[in-house]
Amino acid sequence: MTNEESGEVVDGRTEETLRALVVKQEARLAEIAKLVTHVRHEINNPLTGVIGQAQLLLREELSPSVRKRVETIDQLAARIKDSVADLRSVQLPPPQPEWLSSETEKRPRDVKSKTKDGAGRTK
């Protein structure tokens, strides 16, 4: 049950349900972060080779049309590299220190320490 005025969780089952949902969502986010890390790695490895080969070609004597094509490859690869670099912001959160999580679990959860009288008013 929720106190509509304050939004306090009154029922322990509701709090348990919310905690279970949070745990489930955190697990999903962790899976997504791992996938993003894997994708970044899988894109960066061949991309580094493409950029390196394009830059080596640009050092050589090339016809103007071939040079333009190689420059285009280099520029587009650089754009991909920048986009992949932006994915670094998708990471797993740092693990919470064990002493902090154990202390948090030991502390009583005090919503607002209010009691209600028989008429439902807060004392």
N, C-alpha and C. Protein backbone atom coordinates (compact mmCIF):
# COMPACT_ATOMS: atom_id res chain seq x y z
N MET A 1 0.85 -1.18 0.00
CA MET A 1 0.00 0.00 0.00
C MET A 1 0.90 1.24 0.00
N THR A 2 0.45 2.28 -0.70
CA THR A 2 1.25 3.50 -0.77
C THR A 2 0.46 4.66 -0.20
N ASN A 3 1.08 5.49 0.58
CA ASN A 3 0.47 6.70 1.07
C ASN A 3 0.49 7.67 -0.11
N GLU A 4 -0.69 7.98 -0.67
CA GLU A 4 -0.76 8.78 -1.89
C GLU A 4 -0.21 10.18 -1.72
N GLU A 5 -0.36 10.77 -0.55
CA GLU A 5 0.10 12.14 -0.35
C GLU A 5 1.63 12.23 -0.37
N SER A 6 2.30 11.33 0.31
CA SER A 6 3.76 11.42 0.42
C SER A 6 4.49 10.48 -0.53
N GLY A 7 3.79 9.48 -1.06
CA GLY A 7 4.43 8.53 -1.95
C GLY A 7 5.25 7.49 -1.19
N GLU A 8 5.04 7.40 0.14
CA GLU A 8 5.80 6.45 0.95
C GLU A 8 5.33 5.03 0.67
N VAL A 9 6.27 4.11 0.70
CA VAL A 9 5.92 2.70 0.59
C VAL A 9 5.56 2.22 1.98
N VAL A 10 4.32 1.75 2.12
CA VAL A 10 3.85 1.34 3.42
C VAL A 10 3.90 -0.17 3.54
N ASP A 11 3.63 -0.87 2.47
CA ASP A 11 3.55 -2.32 2.47
C ASP A 11 4.92 -2.91 2.14
N GLY A 12 5.42 -3.82 2.96
CA GLY A 12 6.73 -4.45 2.74
C GLY A 12 6.77 -5.24 1.45
N ARG A 13 5.62 -5.82 1.04
CA ARG A 13 5.60 -6.58 -0.21
C ARG A 13 5.83 -5.69 -1.41
N THR A 14 5.31 -4.47 -1.35
CA THR A 14 5.52 -3.52 -2.44
C THR A 14 7.00 -3.17 -2.54
N GLU A 15 7.61 -2.96 -1.40
CA GLU A 15 9.04 -2.64 -1.38
C GLU A 15 9.84 -3.81 -1.94
N GLU A 16 9.47 -5.04 -1.57
CA GLU A 16 10.16 -6.23 -2.10
C GLU A 16 9.98 -6.32 -3.61
N THR A 17 8.79 -6.02 -4.09
CA THR A 17 8.52 -6.07 -5.53
C THR A 17 9.37 -5.03 -6.26
N LEU A 18 9.43 -3.84 -5.70
CA LEU A 18 10.25 -2.79 -6.31
C LEU A 18 11.73 -3.18 -6.31
N ARG A 19 12.19 -3.75 -5.23
CA ARG A 19 13.59 -4.19 -5.18
C ARG A 19 13.87 -5.26 -6.22
N ALA A 20 12.93 -6.19 -6.39
CA ALA A 20 13.11 -7.24 -7.39
C ALA A 20 13.15 -6.64 -8.79
N LEU A 21 12.30 -5.65 -9.05
CA LEU A 21 12.32 -5.00 -10.36
C LEU A 21 13.64 -4.26 -10.59
N VAL A 22 14.14 -3.61 -9.57
CA VAL A 22 15.41 -2.89 -9.69
C VAL A 22 16.53 -3.87 -10.00
N VAL A 23 16.55 -5.00 -9.29
CA VAL A 23 17.59 -6.01 -9.52
C VAL A 23 17.49 -6.54 -10.95
N LYS A 24 16.27 -6.78 -11.41
CA LYS A 24 16.07 -7.29 -12.77
C LYS A 24 16.55 -6.27 -13.81
N GLN A 25 16.22 -5.00 -13.61
CA GLN A 25 16.64 -3.96 -14.55
C GLN A 25 18.15 -3.75 -14.51
N GLU A 26 18.75 -3.83 -13.34
CA GLU A 26 20.21 -3.70 -13.24
C GLU A 26 20.90 -4.84 -13.98
N ALA A 27 20.33 -6.04 -13.91
CA ALA A 27 20.90 -7.18 -14.64
C ALA A 27 20.80 -6.95 -16.14
N ARG A 28 19.67 -6.43 -16.59
CA ARG A 28 19.51 -6.12 -18.02
C ARG A 28 20.52 -5.07 -18.47
N LEU A 29 20.67 -4.02 -17.68
CA LEU A 29 21.64 -2.97 -18.02
C LEU A 29 23.06 -3.51 -18.06
N ALA A 30 23.37 -4.42 -17.16
CA ALA A 30 24.70 -5.02 -17.16
C ALA A 30 24.91 -5.83 -18.44
N GLU A 31 23.88 -6.57 -18.87
CA GLU A 31 23.98 -7.33 -20.12
C GLU A 31 24.19 -6.40 -21.31
N ILE A 32 23.46 -5.31 -21.34
CA ILE A 32 23.60 -4.34 -22.44
C ILE A 32 25.00 -3.74 -22.44
N ALA A 33 25.50 -3.38 -21.27
CA ALA A 33 26.85 -2.80 -21.18
C ALA A 33 27.90 -3.79 -21.67
N LYS A 34 27.75 -5.06 -21.33
CA LYS A 34 28.69 -6.08 -21.80
C LYS A 34 28.61 -6.22 -23.32
N LEU A 35 27.40 -6.20 -23.85
CA LEU A 35 27.23 -6.30 -25.30
C LEU A 35 27.88 -5.12 -26.01
N VAL A 36 27.66 -3.93 -25.50
CA VAL A 36 28.25 -2.73 -26.10
C VAL A 36 29.77 -2.81 -26.06
N THR A 37 30.33 -3.28 -24.96
CA THR A 37 31.78 -3.43 -24.86
C THR A 37 32.29 -4.41 -25.91
N HIS A 38 31.59 -5.52 -26.08
CA HIS A 38 31.97 -6.52 -27.07
C HIS A 38 31.89 -5.95 -28.49
N VAL A 39 30.80 -5.26 -28.79
CA VAL A 39 30.61 -4.67 -30.12
C VAL A 39 31.70 -3.64 -30.41
N ARG A 40 32.00 -2.79 -29.43
CA ARG A 40 33.08 -1.81 -29.60
C ARG A 40 34.39 -2.49 -29.97
N HIS A 41 34.70 -3.54 -29.26
CA HIS A 41 35.94 -4.27 -29.52
C HIS A 41 35.93 -4.89 -30.92
N GLU A 42 34.82 -5.51 -31.28
CA GLU A 42 34.72 -6.18 -32.58
C GLU A 42 34.76 -5.19 -33.75
N ILE A 43 34.29 -3.98 -33.54
CA ILE A 43 34.35 -2.96 -34.59
C ILE A 43 35.74 -2.33 -34.64
N ASN A 44 36.29 -2.03 -33.47
CA ASN A 44 37.58 -1.32 -33.43
C ASN A 44 38.74 -2.12 -34.04
N ASN A 45 38.76 -3.42 -33.83
CA ASN A 45 39.89 -4.20 -34.36
C ASN A 45 40.00 -4.11 -35.87
N PRO A 46 38.98 -4.46 -36.65
CA PRO A 46 39.14 -4.34 -38.10
C PRO A 46 39.21 -2.89 -38.56
N LEU A 47 38.54 -2.00 -37.84
CA LEU A 47 38.56 -0.59 -38.22
C LEU A 47 39.97 -0.01 -38.14
N THR A 48 40.72 -0.43 -37.14
CA THR A 48 42.10 0.02 -37.02
C THR A 48 42.91 -0.40 -38.24
N GLY A 49 42.66 -1.61 -38.71
CA GLY A 49 43.34 -2.08 -39.92
C GLY A 49 42.96 -1.28 -41.15
N VAL A 50 41.68 -0.96 -41.29
CA VAL A 50 41.21 -0.18 -42.44
C VAL A 50 41.86 1.21 -42.42
N ILE A 51 41.84 1.85 -41.27
CA ILE A 51 42.44 3.19 -41.16
C ILE A 51 43.94 3.13 -41.46
N GLY A 52 44.61 2.14 -40.90
CA GLY A 52 46.05 2.02 -41.13
C GLY A 52 46.37 1.79 -42.60
N GLN A 53 45.61 0.93 -43.26
CA GLN A 53 45.86 0.66 -44.67
C GLN A 53 45.56 1.90 -45.53
N ALA A 54 44.50 2.62 -45.20
CA ALA A 54 44.18 3.84 -45.95
C ALA A 54 45.29 4.87 -45.79
N GLN A 55 45.79 5.02 -44.58
CA GLN A 55 46.86 5.99 -44.36
C GLN A 55 48.16 5.59 -45.06
N LEU A 56 48.43 4.29 -45.11
CA LEU A 56 49.61 3.82 -45.86
C LEU A 56 49.45 4.11 -47.36
N LEU A 57 48.25 3.88 -47.88
CA LEU A 57 48.01 4.16 -49.30
C LEU A 57 48.18 5.65 -49.61
N LEU A 58 47.74 6.49 -48.67
CA LEU A 58 47.83 7.94 -48.90
C LEU A 58 49.28 8.42 -48.95
N ARG A 59 50.22 7.65 -48.45
CA ARG A 59 51.64 8.01 -48.52
C ARG A 59 52.23 7.73 -49.90
N GLU A 60 51.51 6.94 -50.68
CA GLU A 60 52.03 6.53 -52.00
C GLU A 60 51.60 7.50 -53.09
N GLU A 61 52.23 7.36 -54.23
CA GLU A 61 51.86 8.11 -55.44
C GLU A 61 50.56 7.49 -55.95
N LEU A 62 49.50 8.28 -55.97
CA LEU A 62 48.20 7.79 -56.44
C LEU A 62 47.64 8.76 -57.46
N SER A 63 46.83 8.23 -58.35
CA SER A 63 46.14 9.12 -59.28
C SER A 63 45.13 9.93 -58.47
N PRO A 64 44.75 11.11 -58.96
CA PRO A 64 43.81 11.96 -58.21
C PRO A 64 42.49 11.24 -57.86
N SER A 65 41.96 10.46 -58.77
CA SER A 65 40.68 9.78 -58.48
C SER A 65 40.86 8.70 -57.41
N VAL A 66 41.95 7.96 -57.46
CA VAL A 66 42.20 6.92 -56.44
C VAL A 66 42.49 7.58 -55.09
N ARG A 67 43.26 8.67 -55.08
CA ARG A 67 43.56 9.39 -53.84
C ARG A 67 42.26 9.86 -53.19
N LYS A 68 41.35 10.40 -54.01
CA LYS A 68 40.08 10.89 -53.47
C LYS A 68 39.28 9.74 -52.83
N ARG A 69 39.29 8.58 -53.47
CA ARG A 69 38.57 7.42 -52.93
C ARG A 69 39.20 6.96 -51.61
N VAL A 70 40.51 6.92 -51.55
CA VAL A 70 41.20 6.49 -50.32
C VAL A 70 40.96 7.52 -49.21
N GLU A 71 40.97 8.80 -49.55
CA GLU A 71 40.67 9.83 -48.55
C GLU A 71 39.25 9.67 -48.01
N THR A 72 38.32 9.34 -48.91
CA THR A 72 36.94 9.11 -48.48
C THR A 72 36.88 7.93 -47.51
N ILE A 73 37.57 6.85 -47.85
CA ILE A 73 37.62 5.69 -46.95
C ILE A 73 38.17 6.09 -45.59
N ASP A 74 39.26 6.85 -45.58
CA ASP A 74 39.89 7.30 -44.34
C ASP A 74 38.93 8.17 -43.52
N GLN A 75 38.25 9.09 -44.18
CA GLN A 75 37.32 9.99 -43.48
C GLN A 75 36.13 9.23 -42.90
N LEU A 76 35.57 8.32 -43.69
CA LEU A 76 34.41 7.56 -43.20
C LEU A 76 34.81 6.63 -42.05
N ALA A 77 35.99 6.04 -42.16
CA ALA A 77 36.48 5.18 -41.08
C ALA A 77 36.69 6.01 -39.80
N ALA A 78 37.17 7.23 -39.95
CA ALA A 78 37.36 8.11 -38.79
C ALA A 78 36.01 8.44 -38.14
N ARG A 79 34.98 8.63 -38.96
CA ARG A 79 33.63 8.88 -38.41
C ARG A 79 33.14 7.67 -37.61
N ILE A 80 33.36 6.48 -38.16
CA ILE A 80 32.95 5.27 -37.44
C ILE A 80 33.72 5.17 -36.13
N LYS A 81 35.01 5.45 -36.19
CA LYS A 81 35.85 5.38 -34.98
C LYS A 81 35.32 6.33 -33.91
N ASP A 82 34.93 7.55 -34.30
CA ASP A 82 34.38 8.51 -33.34
C ASP A 82 33.05 8.02 -32.75
N SER A 83 32.22 7.44 -33.60
CA SER A 83 30.93 6.92 -33.12
C SER A 83 31.14 5.79 -32.13
N VAL A 84 32.06 4.90 -32.44
CA VAL A 84 32.35 3.79 -31.54
C VAL A 84 32.94 4.32 -30.23
N ALA A 85 33.77 5.35 -30.32
CA ALA A 85 34.35 5.94 -29.10
C ALA A 85 33.26 6.51 -28.19
N ASP A 86 32.19 7.03 -28.79
CA ASP A 86 31.08 7.56 -27.99
C ASP A 86 30.41 6.46 -27.16
N LEU A 87 30.54 5.22 -27.61
CA LEU A 87 29.93 4.11 -26.88
C LEU A 87 30.66 3.81 -25.57
N ARG A 88 31.82 4.44 -25.36
CA ARG A 88 32.54 4.23 -24.09
C ARG A 88 31.72 4.69 -22.90
N SER A 89 30.78 5.59 -23.14
CA SER A 89 29.96 6.08 -22.03
C SER A 89 29.00 5.01 -21.51
N VAL A 90 28.78 3.96 -22.32
CA VAL A 90 27.91 2.86 -21.89
C VAL A 90 28.81 1.83 -21.21
N GLN A 91 28.82 1.85 -19.89
CA GLN A 91 29.69 0.97 -19.12
C GLN A 91 28.94 0.42 -17.93
N LEU A 92 29.49 -0.64 -17.40
CA LEU A 92 28.97 -1.14 -16.14
C LEU A 92 29.34 -0.14 -15.05
N PRO A 93 28.43 0.10 -14.11
CA PRO A 93 28.81 0.98 -13.00
C PRO A 93 29.90 0.29 -12.18
N PRO A 94 30.76 1.08 -11.55
CA PRO A 94 31.80 0.45 -10.73
C PRO A 94 31.14 -0.35 -9.61
N PRO A 95 31.72 -1.48 -9.26
CA PRO A 95 31.11 -2.28 -8.19
C PRO A 95 31.12 -1.52 -6.88
N GLN A 96 30.05 -1.71 -6.13
CA GLN A 96 29.94 -1.05 -4.84
C GLN A 96 30.85 -1.78 -3.86
N PRO A 97 31.62 -1.05 -3.04
CA PRO A 97 32.48 -1.73 -2.08
C PRO A 97 31.66 -2.64 -1.17
N GLU A 98 32.21 -3.79 -0.86
CA GLU A 98 31.48 -4.78 -0.06
C GLU A 98 31.06 -4.22 1.29
N TRP A 99 31.94 -3.43 1.90
CA TRP A 99 31.61 -2.90 3.22
C TRP A 99 30.42 -1.95 3.15
N LEU A 100 30.26 -1.25 2.01
CA LEU A 100 29.15 -0.32 1.87
C LEU A 100 27.84 -1.06 1.67
N SER A 101 27.84 -2.07 0.81
CA SER A 101 26.60 -2.80 0.56
C SER A 101 26.17 -3.58 1.80
N SER A 102 27.12 -4.13 2.56
CA SER A 102 26.75 -4.87 3.75
C SER A 102 26.21 -3.93 4.83
N GLU A 103 26.77 -2.71 4.94
CA GLU A 103 26.27 -1.73 5.89
C GLU A 103 24.87 -1.28 5.51
N THR A 104 24.65 -1.08 4.22
CA THR A 104 23.34 -0.64 3.75
C THR A 104 22.28 -1.68 4.06
N GLU A 105 22.63 -2.96 3.88
CA GLU A 105 21.66 -4.02 4.14
C GLU A 105 21.37 -4.14 5.62
N LYS A 106 22.34 -3.83 6.49
CA LYS A 106 22.15 -3.96 7.92
C LYS A 106 21.31 -2.82 8.49
N ARG A 107 21.38 -1.63 7.85
CA ARG A 107 20.64 -0.48 8.36
C ARG A 107 19.15 -0.67 8.17
N PRO A 108 18.36 -0.29 9.17
CA PRO A 108 16.92 -0.38 8.98
C PRO A 108 16.46 0.65 7.95
N ARG A 109 15.50 0.30 7.19
CA ARG A 109 14.97 1.21 6.17
C ARG A 109 13.89 2.06 6.83
N ASP A 110 14.21 3.31 7.09
CA ASP A 110 13.32 4.23 7.76
C ASP A 110 12.70 5.13 6.72
N VAL A 111 11.42 4.87 6.39
CA VAL A 111 10.77 5.66 5.36
C VAL A 111 10.57 7.08 5.87
N LYS A 112 9.94 7.25 6.99
CA LYS A 112 9.85 8.58 7.60
C LYS A 112 9.51 8.49 9.08
N SER A 113 9.57 7.31 9.64
CA SER A 113 9.31 7.08 11.06
C SER A 113 8.09 7.85 11.57
N LYS A 114 7.01 7.77 10.85
CA LYS A 114 5.79 8.42 11.29
C LYS A 114 4.80 7.34 11.69
N THR A 115 4.04 7.63 12.70
CA THR A 115 2.99 6.70 13.10
C THR A 115 1.66 7.37 12.84
N LYS A 116 0.67 6.55 12.67
CA LYS A 116 -0.67 7.09 12.43
C LYS A 116 -1.57 6.70 13.59
N ASP A 117 -2.45 7.62 13.89
CA ASP A 117 -3.42 7.31 14.94
C ASP A 117 -4.56 6.50 14.35
N GLY A 118 -5.56 6.18 15.14
CA GLY A 118 -6.67 5.34 14.69
C GLY A 118 -7.43 5.95 13.51
N ALA A 119 -7.40 7.26 13.34
CA ALA A 119 -8.13 7.92 12.26
C ALA A 119 -7.27 8.04 10.99
N GLY A 120 -6.04 7.55 11.03
CA GLY A 120 -5.19 7.60 9.85
C GLY A 120 -4.38 8.90 9.74
N ARG A 121 -4.42 9.72 10.82
CA ARG A 121 -3.65 10.96 10.80
C ARG A 121 -2.23 10.70 11.29
N THR A 122 -1.27 11.43 10.73
CA THR A 122 0.12 11.30 11.16
C THR A 122 0.31 12.04 12.46
N LYS A 123 0.97 11.37 13.41
CA LYS A 123 1.24 11.98 14.72
C LYS A 123 2.51 12.77 14.67
